[in-house]
PDB file of all heavy atoms in Angstrom:
ATOM      1  N   ARG A   1       2.364   6.945  -8.788  1.00  0.00           N
ATOM      2  CA  ARG A   1       2.387   5.522  -8.403  1.00  0.00           C
ATOM      3  C   ARG A   1       0.990   4.915  -8.468  1.00  0.00           C
ATOM      4  O   ARG A   1       0.654   4.010  -7.704  1.00  0.00           O
ATOM      5  CB  ARG A   1       2.965   5.368  -7.001  1.00  0.00           C
ATOM      6  CG  ARG A   1       4.447   5.763  -6.902  1.00  0.00           C
ATOM      7  CD  ARG A   1       5.038   5.304  -5.586  1.00  0.00           C
ATOM      8  NE  ARG A   1       4.427   5.962  -4.448  1.00  0.00           N
ATOM      9  CZ  ARG A   1       4.358   5.435  -3.228  1.00  0.00           C
ATOM     10  NH1 ARG A   1       4.842   4.228  -2.989  1.00  0.00           N
ATOM     11  NH2 ARG A   1       3.797   6.114  -2.234  1.00  0.00           N
ATOM     12  N   ILE A   2       0.178   5.384  -9.376  1.00  0.00           N
ATOM     13  CA  ILE A   2      -1.191   4.894  -9.530  1.00  0.00           C
ATOM     14  C   ILE A   2      -1.150   3.475 -10.084  1.00  0.00           C
ATOM     15  O   ILE A   2      -0.498   3.216 -11.101  1.00  0.00           O
ATOM     16  CB  ILE A   2      -1.995   5.818 -10.458  1.00  0.00           C
ATOM     17  CG1 ILE A   2      -2.054   7.231  -9.852  1.00  0.00           C
ATOM     18  CG2 ILE A   2      -3.391   5.275 -10.689  1.00  0.00           C
ATOM     19  CD1 ILE A   2      -2.652   8.266 -10.787  1.00  0.00           C
ATOM     20  N   ALA A   3      -1.852   2.552  -9.426  1.00  0.00           N
ATOM     21  CA  ALA A   3      -1.813   1.143  -9.824  1.00  0.00           C
ATOM     22  C   ALA A   3      -3.104   0.674 -10.489  1.00  0.00           C
ATOM     23  O   ALA A   3      -3.096  -0.358 -11.157  1.00  0.00           O
ATOM     24  CB  ALA A   3      -1.510   0.254  -8.614  1.00  0.00           C
ATOM     25  N   ARG A   4      -4.186   1.401 -10.304  1.00  0.00           N
ATOM     26  CA  ARG A   4      -5.457   0.974 -10.891  1.00  0.00           C
ATOM     27  C   ARG A   4      -6.293   2.194 -11.271  1.00  0.00           C
ATOM     28  O   ARG A   4      -6.180   3.259 -10.654  1.00  0.00           O
ATOM     29  CB  ARG A   4      -6.243   0.080  -9.928  1.00  0.00           C
ATOM     30  CG  ARG A   4      -6.549   0.725  -8.584  1.00  0.00           C
ATOM     31  CD  ARG A   4      -7.240  -0.242  -7.639  1.00  0.00           C
ATOM     32  NE  ARG A   4      -8.549  -0.616  -8.140  1.00  0.00           N
ATOM     33  CZ  ARG A   4      -9.675   0.032  -7.818  1.00  0.00           C
ATOM     34  NH1 ARG A   4      -9.640   1.084  -7.011  1.00  0.00           N
ATOM     35  NH2 ARG A   4     -10.833  -0.366  -8.282  1.00  0.00           N
ATOM     36  N   VAL A   5      -7.119   2.004 -12.304  1.00  0.00           N
ATOM     37  CA  VAL A   5      -8.061   3.035 -12.725  1.00  0.00           C
ATOM     38  C   VAL A   5      -9.460   2.480 -12.500  1.00  0.00           C
ATOM     39  O   VAL A   5      -9.921   1.625 -13.254  1.00  0.00           O
ATOM     40  CB  VAL A   5      -7.869   3.414 -14.209  1.00  0.00           C
ATOM     41  CG1 VAL A   5      -8.805   4.553 -14.577  1.00  0.00           C
ATOM     42  CG2 VAL A   5      -6.416   3.800 -14.475  1.00  0.00           C
ATOM     43  N   PRO A   6     -10.170   2.922 -11.464  1.00  0.00           N
ATOM     44  CA  PRO A   6     -11.483   2.344 -11.139  1.00  0.00           C
ATOM     45  C   PRO A   6     -12.571   2.817 -12.083  1.00  0.00           C
ATOM     46  O   PRO A   6     -12.398   3.784 -12.833  1.00  0.00           O
ATOM     47  CB  PRO A   6     -11.728   2.842  -9.711  1.00  0.00           C
ATOM     48  CG  PRO A   6     -10.978   4.148  -9.640  1.00  0.00           C
ATOM     49  CD  PRO A   6      -9.757   3.961 -10.498  1.00  0.00           C
ATOM     50  N   ASN A   7     -13.686   2.136 -12.043  1.00  0.00           N
ATOM     51  CA  ASN A   7     -14.845   2.527 -12.847  1.00  0.00           C
ATOM     52  C   ASN A   7     -15.319   3.928 -12.464  1.00  0.00           C
ATOM     53  O   ASN A   7     -15.378   4.276 -11.280  1.00  0.00           O
ATOM     54  CB  ASN A   7     -15.986   1.530 -12.654  1.00  0.00           C
ATOM     55  CG  ASN A   7     -15.681   0.184 -13.251  1.00  0.00           C
ATOM     56  OD1 ASN A   7     -14.952   0.074 -14.233  1.00  0.00           O
ATOM     57  ND2 ASN A   7     -16.241  -0.869 -12.681  1.00  0.00           N
ATOM     58  N   GLY A   8     -15.674   4.725 -13.470  1.00  0.00           N
ATOM     59  CA  GLY A   8     -16.221   6.057 -13.222  1.00  0.00           C
ATOM     60  C   GLY A   8     -15.243   7.067 -12.674  1.00  0.00           C
ATOM     61  O   GLY A   8     -15.665   8.086 -12.118  1.00  0.00           O
ATOM     62  N   ALA A   9     -13.938   6.820 -12.828  1.00  0.00           N
ATOM     63  CA  ALA A   9     -12.944   7.739 -12.255  1.00  0.00           C
ATOM     64  C   ALA A   9     -13.002   9.127 -12.880  1.00  0.00           C
ATOM     65  O   ALA A   9     -12.635  10.119 -12.242  1.00  0.00           O
ATOM     66  CB  ALA A   9     -11.546   7.147 -12.424  1.00  0.00           C
ATOM     67  N   PHE A  10     -13.487   9.233 -14.131  1.00  0.00           N
ATOM     68  CA  PHE A  10     -13.503  10.521 -14.828  1.00  0.00           C
ATOM     69  C   PHE A  10     -14.889  10.858 -15.380  1.00  0.00           C
ATOM     70  O   PHE A  10     -15.008  11.675 -16.296  1.00  0.00           O
ATOM     71  CB  PHE A  10     -12.488  10.497 -15.980  1.00  0.00           C
ATOM     72  CG  PHE A  10     -11.138   9.972 -15.596  1.00  0.00           C
ATOM     73  CD1 PHE A  10     -10.774   8.674 -15.929  1.00  0.00           C
ATOM     74  CD2 PHE A  10     -10.241  10.753 -14.905  1.00  0.00           C
ATOM     75  CE1 PHE A  10      -9.528   8.171 -15.587  1.00  0.00           C
ATOM     76  CE2 PHE A  10      -8.995  10.272 -14.548  1.00  0.00           C
ATOM     77  CZ  PHE A  10      -8.632   8.971 -14.883  1.00  0.00           C
ATOM     78  N   GLN A  11     -15.914  10.258 -14.846  1.00  0.00           N
ATOM     79  CA  GLN A  11     -17.243  10.394 -15.447  1.00  0.00           C
ATOM     80  C   GLN A  11     -17.813  11.802 -15.360  1.00  0.00           C
ATOM     81  O   GLN A  11     -18.719  12.152 -16.133  1.00  0.00           O
ATOM     82  CB  GLN A  11     -18.209   9.410 -14.789  1.00  0.00           C
ATOM     83  CG  GLN A  11     -18.414   9.629 -13.301  1.00  0.00           C
ATOM     84  CD  GLN A  11     -19.310   8.568 -12.696  1.00  0.00           C
ATOM     85  OE1 GLN A  11     -19.828   7.699 -13.397  1.00  0.00           O
ATOM     86  NE2 GLN A  11     -19.506   8.628 -11.396  1.00  0.00           N
ATOM     87  N   HIS A  12     -17.289  12.656 -14.473  1.00  0.00           N
ATOM     88  CA  HIS A  12     -17.785  14.030 -14.362  1.00  0.00           C
ATOM     89  C   HIS A  12     -16.977  15.009 -15.205  1.00  0.00           C
ATOM     90  O   HIS A  12     -17.249  16.207 -15.192  1.00  0.00           O
ATOM     91  CB  HIS A  12     -17.748  14.478 -12.896  1.00  0.00           C
ATOM     92  CG  HIS A  12     -16.360  14.581 -12.324  1.00  0.00           C
ATOM     93  ND1 HIS A  12     -15.558  13.475 -12.130  1.00  0.00           N
ATOM     94  CD2 HIS A  12     -15.638  15.663 -11.923  1.00  0.00           C
ATOM     95  CE1 HIS A  12     -14.398  13.871 -11.622  1.00  0.00           C
ATOM     96  NE2 HIS A  12     -14.426  15.183 -11.491  1.00  0.00           N
ATOM     97  N   LEU A  13     -16.007  14.514 -15.965  1.00  0.00           N
ATOM     98  CA  LEU A  13     -15.122  15.394 -16.731  1.00  0.00           C
ATOM     99  C   LEU A  13     -15.501  15.366 -18.213  1.00  0.00           C
ATOM    100  O   LEU A  13     -14.727  14.939 -19.064  1.00  0.00           O
ATOM    101  CB  LEU A  13     -13.663  14.962 -16.542  1.00  0.00           C
ATOM    102  CG  LEU A  13     -13.168  14.900 -15.099  1.00  0.00           C
ATOM    103  CD1 LEU A  13     -11.742  14.416 -15.033  1.00  0.00           C
ATOM    104  CD2 LEU A  13     -13.309  16.262 -14.420  1.00  0.00           C
ATOM    105  N   SER A  14     -16.672  15.846 -18.516  1.00  0.00           N
ATOM    106  CA  SER A  14     -17.176  15.781 -19.893  1.00  0.00           C
ATOM    107  C   SER A  14     -16.429  16.711 -20.844  1.00  0.00           C
ATOM    108  O   SER A  14     -16.506  16.539 -22.065  1.00  0.00           O
ATOM    109  CB  SER A  14     -18.671  16.124 -19.917  1.00  0.00           C
ATOM    110  OG  SER A  14     -18.901  17.429 -19.392  1.00  0.00           O
ATOM    111  N   GLN A  15     -15.696  17.687 -20.310  1.00  0.00           N
ATOM    112  CA  GLN A  15     -14.957  18.624 -21.161  1.00  0.00           C
ATOM    113  C   GLN A  15     -13.497  18.220 -21.365  1.00  0.00           C
ATOM    114  O   GLN A  15     -12.754  18.912 -22.062  1.00  0.00           O
ATOM    115  CB  GLN A  15     -15.007  20.030 -20.550  1.00  0.00           C
ATOM    116  CG  GLN A  15     -16.414  20.589 -20.372  1.00  0.00           C
ATOM    117  CD  GLN A  15     -16.408  21.981 -19.790  1.00  0.00           C
ATOM    118  OE1 GLN A  15     -15.576  22.828 -20.158  1.00  0.00           O
ATOM    119  NE2 GLN A  15     -17.319  22.256 -18.871  1.00  0.00           N
ATOM    120  N   LEU A  16     -13.104  17.100 -20.773  1.00  0.00           N
ATOM    121  CA  LEU A  16     -11.707  16.690 -20.833  1.00  0.00           C
ATOM    122  C   LEU A  16     -11.311  16.327 -22.262  1.00  0.00           C
ATOM    123  O   LEU A  16     -12.016  15.588 -22.954  1.00  0.00           O
ATOM    124  CB  LEU A  16     -11.478  15.492 -19.904  1.00  0.00           C
ATOM    125  CG  LEU A  16     -10.023  15.173 -19.564  1.00  0.00           C
ATOM    126  CD1 LEU A  16      -9.396  16.320 -18.781  1.00  0.00           C
ATOM    127  CD2 LEU A  16      -9.947  13.882 -18.742  1.00  0.00           C
ATOM    128  N   ARG A  17     -10.157  16.861 -22.691  1.00  0.00           N
ATOM    129  CA  ARG A  17      -9.653  16.606 -24.044  1.00  0.00           C
ATOM    130  C   ARG A  17      -8.379  15.766 -24.045  1.00  0.00           C
ATOM    131  O   ARG A  17      -8.142  15.024 -24.992  1.00  0.00           O
ATOM    132  CB  ARG A  17      -9.386  17.946 -24.763  1.00  0.00           C
ATOM    133  CG  ARG A  17     -10.626  18.783 -24.982  1.00  0.00           C
ATOM    134  CD  ARG A  17     -11.602  18.092 -25.911  1.00  0.00           C
ATOM    135  NE  ARG A  17     -12.829  18.866 -26.107  1.00  0.00           N
ATOM    136  CZ  ARG A  17     -13.946  18.682 -25.417  1.00  0.00           C
ATOM    137  NH1 ARG A  17     -13.991  17.738 -24.475  1.00  0.00           N
ATOM    138  NH2 ARG A  17     -15.015  19.409 -25.646  1.00  0.00           N
ATOM    139  N   GLU A  18      -7.583  15.858 -23.004  1.00  0.00           N
ATOM    140  CA  GLU A  18      -6.323  15.114 -22.955  1.00  0.00           C
ATOM    141  C   GLU A  18      -6.124  14.555 -21.547  1.00  0.00           C
ATOM    142  O   GLU A  18      -6.231  15.284 -20.556  1.00  0.00           O
ATOM    143  CB  GLU A  18      -5.144  16.009 -23.347  1.00  0.00           C
ATOM    144  CG  GLU A  18      -3.813  15.284 -23.361  1.00  0.00           C
ATOM    145  CD  GLU A  18      -2.677  16.159 -23.860  1.00  0.00           C
ATOM    146  OE1 GLU A  18      -2.973  17.148 -24.577  1.00  0.00           O
ATOM    147  OE2 GLU A  18      -1.512  15.875 -23.529  1.00  0.00           O
ATOM    148  N   LEU A  19      -5.822  13.256 -21.486  1.00  0.00           N
ATOM    149  CA  LEU A  19      -5.624  12.571 -20.211  1.00  0.00           C
ATOM    150  C   LEU A  19      -4.295  11.826 -20.260  1.00  0.00           C
ATOM    151  O   LEU A  19      -4.096  10.934 -21.092  1.00  0.00           O
ATOM    152  CB  LEU A  19      -6.770  11.590 -19.939  1.00  0.00           C
ATOM    153  CG  LEU A  19      -6.655  10.703 -18.699  1.00  0.00           C
ATOM    154  CD1 LEU A  19      -6.499  11.532 -17.431  1.00  0.00           C
ATOM    155  CD2 LEU A  19      -7.880   9.794 -18.590  1.00  0.00           C
ATOM    156  N   ASP A  20      -3.385  12.207 -19.387  1.00  0.00           N
ATOM    157  CA  ASP A  20      -2.042  11.616 -19.359  1.00  0.00           C
ATOM    158  C   ASP A  20      -1.885  10.765 -18.098  1.00  0.00           C
ATOM    159  O   ASP A  20      -1.810  11.290 -16.987  1.00  0.00           O
ATOM    160  CB  ASP A  20      -0.982  12.728 -19.390  1.00  0.00           C
ATOM    161  CG  ASP A  20       0.426  12.178 -19.580  1.00  0.00           C
ATOM    162  OD1 ASP A  20       0.594  10.939 -19.562  1.00  0.00           O
ATOM    163  OD2 ASP A  20       1.358  12.984 -19.763  1.00  0.00           O
ATOM    164  N   LEU A  21      -1.835   9.452 -18.291  1.00  0.00           N
ATOM    165  CA  LEU A  21      -1.626   8.507 -17.192  1.00  0.00           C
ATOM    166  C   LEU A  21      -0.319   7.732 -17.368  1.00  0.00           C
ATOM    167  O   LEU A  21      -0.149   6.648 -16.806  1.00  0.00           O
ATOM    168  CB  LEU A  21      -2.800   7.522 -17.125  1.00  0.00           C
ATOM    169  CG  LEU A  21      -4.131   8.086 -16.627  1.00  0.00           C
ATOM    170  CD1 LEU A  21      -5.275   7.128 -16.938  1.00  0.00           C
ATOM    171  CD2 LEU A  21      -4.088   8.370 -15.130  1.00  0.00           C
ATOM    172  N   SER A  22       0.583   8.262 -18.150  1.00  0.00           N
ATOM    173  CA  SER A  22       1.828   7.567 -18.442  1.00  0.00           C
ATOM    174  C   SER A  22       2.748   7.529 -17.221  1.00  0.00           C
ATOM    175  O   SER A  22       2.599   8.302 -16.274  1.00  0.00           O
ATOM    176  CB  SER A  22       2.548   8.255 -19.608  1.00  0.00           C
ATOM    177  OG  SER A  22       2.912   9.582 -19.257  1.00  0.00           O
ATOM    178  N   ARG A  23       3.696   6.574 -17.266  1.00  0.00           N
ATOM    179  CA  ARG A  23       4.732   6.448 -16.236  1.00  0.00           C
ATOM    180  C   ARG A  23       4.149   6.278 -14.841  1.00  0.00           C
ATOM    181  O   ARG A  23       4.555   6.934 -13.881  1.00  0.00           O
ATOM    182  CB  ARG A  23       5.690   7.643 -16.291  1.00  0.00           C
ATOM    183  CG  ARG A  23       6.382   7.789 -17.646  1.00  0.00           C
ATOM    184  CD  ARG A  23       7.385   8.913 -17.680  1.00  0.00           C
ATOM    185  NE  ARG A  23       7.938   9.062 -19.018  1.00  0.00           N
ATOM    186  CZ  ARG A  23       8.927   8.319 -19.530  1.00  0.00           C
ATOM    187  NH1 ARG A  23       9.467   7.360 -18.781  1.00  0.00           N
ATOM    188  NH2 ARG A  23       9.357   8.511 -20.756  1.00  0.00           N
ATOM    189  N   ASN A  24       3.185   5.385 -14.750  1.00  0.00           N
ATOM    190  CA  ASN A  24       2.642   4.983 -13.461  1.00  0.00           C
ATOM    191  C   ASN A  24       2.904   3.493 -13.253  1.00  0.00           C
ATOM    192  O   ASN A  24       3.814   2.926 -13.877  1.00  0.00           O
ATOM    193  CB  ASN A  24       1.148   5.301 -13.388  1.00  0.00           C
ATOM    194  CG  ASN A  24       0.871   6.743 -13.003  1.00  0.00           C
ATOM    195  OD1 ASN A  24       0.926   7.115 -11.837  1.00  0.00           O
ATOM    196  ND2 ASN A  24       0.573   7.575 -14.003  1.00  0.00           N
ATOM    197  N   ALA A  25       2.120   2.865 -12.420  1.00  0.00           N
ATOM    198  CA  ALA A  25       2.249   1.428 -12.179  1.00  0.00           C
ATOM    199  C   ALA A  25       0.918   0.734 -12.445  1.00  0.00           C
ATOM    200  O   ALA A  25       0.559  -0.237 -11.780  1.00  0.00           O
ATOM    201  CB  ALA A  25       2.711   1.165 -10.747  1.00  0.00           C
ATOM    202  N   ILE A  26       0.182   1.233 -13.436  1.00  0.00           N
ATOM    203  CA  ILE A  26      -1.179   0.755 -13.705  1.00  0.00           C
ATOM    204  C   ILE A  26      -1.153  -0.691 -14.205  1.00  0.00           C
ATOM    205  O   ILE A  26      -0.477  -1.006 -15.190  1.00  0.00           O
ATOM    206  CB  ILE A  26      -1.880   1.664 -14.729  1.00  0.00           C
ATOM    207  CG1 ILE A  26      -2.023   3.077 -14.156  1.00  0.00           C
ATOM    208  CG2 ILE A  26      -3.245   1.097 -15.101  1.00  0.00           C
ATOM    209  CD1 ILE A  26      -2.570   4.089 -15.147  1.00  0.00           C
ATOM    210  N   GLU A  27      -1.881  -1.537 -13.525  1.00  0.00           N
ATOM    211  CA  GLU A  27      -2.051  -2.930 -13.926  1.00  0.00           C
ATOM    212  C   GLU A  27      -3.509  -3.248 -14.253  1.00  0.00           C
ATOM    213  O   GLU A  27      -3.784  -4.064 -15.121  1.00  0.00           O
ATOM    214  CB  GLU A  27      -1.562  -3.876 -12.819  1.00  0.00           C
ATOM    215  CG  GLU A  27      -0.085  -3.770 -12.504  1.00  0.00           C
ATOM    216  CD  GLU A  27       0.328  -4.740 -11.422  1.00  0.00           C
ATOM    217  OE1 GLU A  27      -0.536  -5.514 -10.946  1.00  0.00           O
ATOM    218  OE2 GLU A  27       1.512  -4.740 -11.033  1.00  0.00           O
ATOM    219  N   THR A  28      -4.428  -2.592 -13.531  1.00  0.00           N
ATOM    220  CA  THR A  28      -5.851  -2.895 -13.656  1.00  0.00           C
ATOM    221  C   THR A  28      -6.617  -1.666 -14.111  1.00  0.00           C
ATOM    222  O   THR A  28      -6.445  -0.574 -13.569  1.00  0.00           O
ATOM    223  CB  THR A  28      -6.414  -3.377 -12.300  1.00  0.00           C
ATOM    224  OG1 THR A  28      -5.637  -4.478 -11.828  1.00  0.00           O
ATOM    225  CG2 THR A  28      -7.861  -3.809 -12.450  1.00  0.00           C
ATOM    226  N   ILE A  29      -7.472  -1.863 -15.118  1.00  0.00           N
ATOM    227  CA  ILE A  29      -8.344  -0.799 -15.614  1.00  0.00           C
ATOM    228  C   ILE A  29      -9.767  -1.338 -15.631  1.00  0.00           C
ATOM    229  O   ILE A  29     -10.038  -2.353 -16.280  1.00  0.00           O
ATOM    230  CB  ILE A  29      -7.930  -0.349 -17.027  1.00  0.00           C
ATOM    231  CG1 ILE A  29      -6.501   0.209 -17.005  1.00  0.00           C
ATOM    232  CG2 ILE A  29      -8.890   0.705 -17.552  1.00  0.00           C
ATOM    233  CD1 ILE A  29      -5.984   0.607 -18.372  1.00  0.00           C
ATOM    234  N   GLY A  30     -10.666  -0.674 -14.912  1.00  0.00           N
ATOM    235  CA  GLY A  30     -12.053  -1.126 -14.853  1.00  0.00           C
ATOM    236  C   GLY A  30     -12.739  -1.013 -16.201  1.00  0.00           C
ATOM    237  O   GLY A  30     -12.386  -0.152 -17.014  1.00  0.00           O
ATOM    238  N   PRO A  31     -13.728  -1.854 -16.462  1.00  0.00           N
ATOM    239  CA  PRO A  31     -14.428  -1.825 -17.760  1.00  0.00           C
ATOM    240  C   PRO A  31     -15.141  -0.509 -18.035  1.00  0.00           C
ATOM    241  O   PRO A  31     -15.373  -0.165 -19.189  1.00  0.00           O
ATOM    242  CB  PRO A  31     -15.414  -2.992 -17.661  1.00  0.00           C
ATOM    243  CG  PRO A  31     -15.568  -3.258 -16.200  1.00  0.00           C
ATOM    244  CD  PRO A  31     -14.239  -2.916 -15.582  1.00  0.00           C
ATOM    245  N   ALA A  32     -15.487   0.242 -16.986  1.00  0.00           N
ATOM    246  CA  ALA A  32     -16.144   1.545 -17.161  1.00  0.00           C
ATOM    247  C   ALA A  32     -15.260   2.677 -16.643  1.00  0.00           C
ATOM    248  O   ALA A  32     -15.746   3.707 -16.208  1.00  0.00           O
ATOM    249  CB  ALA A  32     -17.489   1.558 -16.447  1.00  0.00           C
ATOM    250  N   ALA A  33     -13.946   2.485 -16.713  1.00  0.00           N
ATOM    251  CA  ALA A  33     -13.014   3.469 -16.164  1.00  0.00           C
ATOM    252  C   ALA A  33     -13.096   4.806 -16.883  1.00  0.00           C
ATOM    253  O   ALA A  33     -12.924   5.868 -16.272  1.00  0.00           O
ATOM    254  CB  ALA A  33     -11.593   2.923 -16.233  1.00  0.00           C
ATOM    255  N   PHE A  34     -13.362   4.786 -18.186  1.00  0.00           N
ATOM    256  CA  PHE A  34     -13.368   6.024 -18.974  1.00  0.00           C
ATOM    257  C   PHE A  34     -14.766   6.406 -19.435  1.00  0.00           C
ATOM    258  O   PHE A  34     -14.921   7.106 -20.446  1.00  0.00           O
ATOM    259  CB  PHE A  34     -12.432   5.863 -20.171  1.00  0.00           C
ATOM    260  CG  PHE A  34     -11.027   5.494 -19.786  1.00  0.00           C
ATOM    261  CD1 PHE A  34     -10.543   4.215 -20.029  1.00  0.00           C
ATOM    262  CD2 PHE A  34     -10.196   6.408 -19.158  1.00  0.00           C
ATOM    263  CE1 PHE A  34      -9.260   3.867 -19.669  1.00  0.00           C
ATOM    264  CE2 PHE A  34      -8.907   6.067 -18.788  1.00  0.00           C
ATOM    265  CZ  PHE A  34      -8.434   4.786 -19.040  1.00  0.00           C
ATOM    266  N   SER A  35     -15.760   5.957 -18.698  1.00  0.00           N
ATOM    267  CA  SER A  35     -17.134   6.334 -19.034  1.00  0.00           C
ATOM    268  C   SER A  35     -17.308   7.839 -18.878  1.00  0.00           C
ATOM    269  O   SER A  35     -16.791   8.456 -17.951  1.00  0.00           O
ATOM    270  CB  SER A  35     -18.121   5.600 -18.114  1.00  0.00           C
ATOM    271  OG  SER A  35     -17.910   5.956 -16.754  1.00  0.00           O
TER     272      SER A  35
END
């Protein structure tokens, strides 16, 4: 039931290859959410 992705939510995950955020309630994504 995630509704927003804030800035810097994944900034420490430099090894991440696949990110699945499907089937949530996301409306807002910060400009630096995937930095």
